């Protein structure tokens, strides 16, 4: 129902539910250790054609969160696409995170 107050402004009451995230969120990756890529078990390393440096595995970061409405929690929800632009590496010389895909790429230590 829309009402008009004494100054002519339209006023309406809307029921809202505010779901709040439960922190911390859970982070997971497909690969836990980003090793150099070998051509075979105990074989030579795959090298970059551009500069002959070893190529490393990459992985994707997945982010899950729970939300609550008062005391009612939800199951975990995949919020990866919402949080990817916020992901950062603490040392971009060792690993970098693509904010568009959530892919972590290792670099030569």
Protein backbone atom coordinates (compact mmCIF):
# COMPACT_ATOMS: atom_id res chain seq x y z
CA UNK A 1 0.00 0.00 0.00
CA UNK A 2 1.36 3.42 -0.96
CA UNK A 3 0.47 6.43 1.14
CA UNK A 4 1.20 10.12 0.77
CA UNK A 5 2.62 11.95 3.77
CA UNK A 6 1.80 15.56 4.71
CA UNK A 7 4.57 16.94 2.46
CA UNK A 8 3.26 15.07 -0.60
CA UNK A 9 5.93 12.36 -0.61
CA UNK A 10 4.79 8.84 -1.45
CA UNK A 11 5.63 6.32 1.27
CA UNK A 12 5.38 2.52 1.18
CA UNK A 13 6.37 -0.21 3.62
CA UNK A 14 8.30 -3.07 2.04
CA UNK A 15 9.08 -6.33 3.83
CA UNK A 16 12.80 -7.14 3.51
CA UNK A 17 14.94 -10.07 4.53
CA UNK A 18 18.65 -9.45 4.99
CA UNK A 19 20.84 -12.51 4.55
CA UNK A 20 24.29 -11.99 6.09
CA UNK A 21 27.39 -14.03 5.21
CA UNK A 22 28.92 -16.17 7.94
CA UNK A 23 32.66 -15.55 8.06
CA UNK A 24 35.15 -16.92 7.32
CA UNK A 25 34.30 -18.17 3.84
CA UNK A 26 35.81 -21.44 2.61
CA UNK A 27 38.45 -21.37 -0.13
CA UNK A 28 39.51 -24.43 -2.10
CA UNK A 29 41.66 -25.11 -5.14
CA UNK A 30 41.65 -27.97 -7.63
CA UNK A 31 45.42 -28.44 -7.20
CA UNK A 32 47.12 -27.75 -3.86
CA UNK A 33 50.76 -27.61 -5.05
CA UNK A 34 51.72 -25.84 -8.27
CA UNK A 35 54.69 -27.87 -9.48
CA UNK A 36 56.66 -27.54 -12.71
CA UNK A 37 55.06 -29.56 -15.51
CA UNK A 38 57.16 -32.59 -16.48
CA UNK A 39 56.87 -34.26 -19.88
CA UNK A 40 56.89 -37.66 -18.16
CA UNK A 41 57.33 -39.06 -14.66
CA UNK A 42 60.84 -38.02 -13.65
CA UNK A 43 61.29 -36.71 -17.20
CA UNK A 44 62.41 -33.31 -18.47
CA UNK A 45 60.37 -30.21 -17.65
CA UNK A 46 58.04 -28.58 -20.15
CA UNK A 47 59.71 -25.30 -21.14
CA UNK A 48 58.21 -22.10 -22.49
CA UNK A 49 58.91 -21.63 -26.20
CA UNK A 50 59.39 -17.91 -25.60
CA UNK A 51 62.15 -17.95 -22.98
CA UNK A 52 62.90 -21.61 -22.11
CA UNK A 53 61.62 -21.23 -18.52
CA UNK A 54 59.80 -24.11 -16.81
CA UNK A 55 56.01 -24.12 -17.11
CA UNK A 56 54.02 -24.60 -13.90
CA UNK A 57 50.61 -26.07 -13.19
CA UNK A 58 47.75 -23.66 -12.63
CA UNK A 59 44.60 -24.08 -10.58
CA UNK A 60 41.25 -22.42 -9.99
CA UNK A 61 40.15 -20.93 -6.66
CA UNK A 62 36.62 -21.80 -5.53
CA UNK A 63 34.89 -19.80 -2.77
CA UNK A 64 31.95 -21.05 -0.71
CA UNK A 65 30.00 -19.13 1.92
CA UNK A 66 27.11 -19.74 4.29
CA UNK A 67 24.49 -17.08 4.91
CA UNK A 68 22.14 -16.55 7.84
CA UNK A 69 18.79 -14.92 8.36
CA UNK A 70 18.81 -14.42 12.10
CA UNK A 71 19.69 -17.87 13.41
CA UNK A 72 18.73 -19.79 10.24
CA UNK A 73 21.86 -20.83 8.31
CA UNK A 74 21.91 -21.91 4.68
CA UNK A 75 23.90 -24.68 3.08
CA UNK A 76 27.16 -23.56 1.50
CA UNK A 77 26.68 -21.45 -1.61
CA UNK A 78 29.27 -21.14 -4.37
CA UNK A 79 30.16 -17.42 -4.47
CA UNK A 80 33.26 -17.82 -6.66
CA UNK A 81 32.04 -15.60 -9.50
CA UNK A 82 31.11 -12.84 -7.05
CA UNK A 83 34.43 -12.91 -5.19
CA UNK A 84 36.96 -13.46 -8.02
CA UNK A 85 37.63 -9.72 -8.53
CA UNK A 86 38.59 -9.53 -4.82
CA UNK A 87 41.16 -12.36 -4.85
CA UNK A 88 44.81 -11.30 -4.58
CA UNK A 89 48.16 -13.00 -4.22
CA UNK A 90 50.26 -11.99 -1.22
CA UNK A 91 53.34 -12.37 -3.44
CA UNK A 92 52.63 -11.81 -7.17
CA UNK A 93 56.25 -12.76 -7.94
CA UNK A 94 55.46 -16.34 -6.85
CA UNK A 95 51.81 -16.68 -7.93
CA UNK A 96 49.20 -14.46 -9.55
CA UNK A 97 45.40 -14.66 -9.59
CA UNK A 98 43.36 -13.80 -12.67
CA UNK A 99 40.40 -11.74 -11.34
CA UNK A 100 38.21 -12.79 -14.28
CA UNK A 101 38.60 -16.55 -13.98
CA UNK A 102 39.97 -17.16 -10.48
CA UNK A 103 42.91 -19.04 -12.01
CA UNK A 104 46.11 -19.08 -9.96
CA UNK A 105 49.31 -19.24 -12.01
CA UNK A 106 52.66 -20.08 -10.43
CA UNK A 107 55.80 -18.21 -11.44
CA UNK A 108 59.46 -19.13 -11.19
CA UNK A 109 60.57 -18.74 -7.57
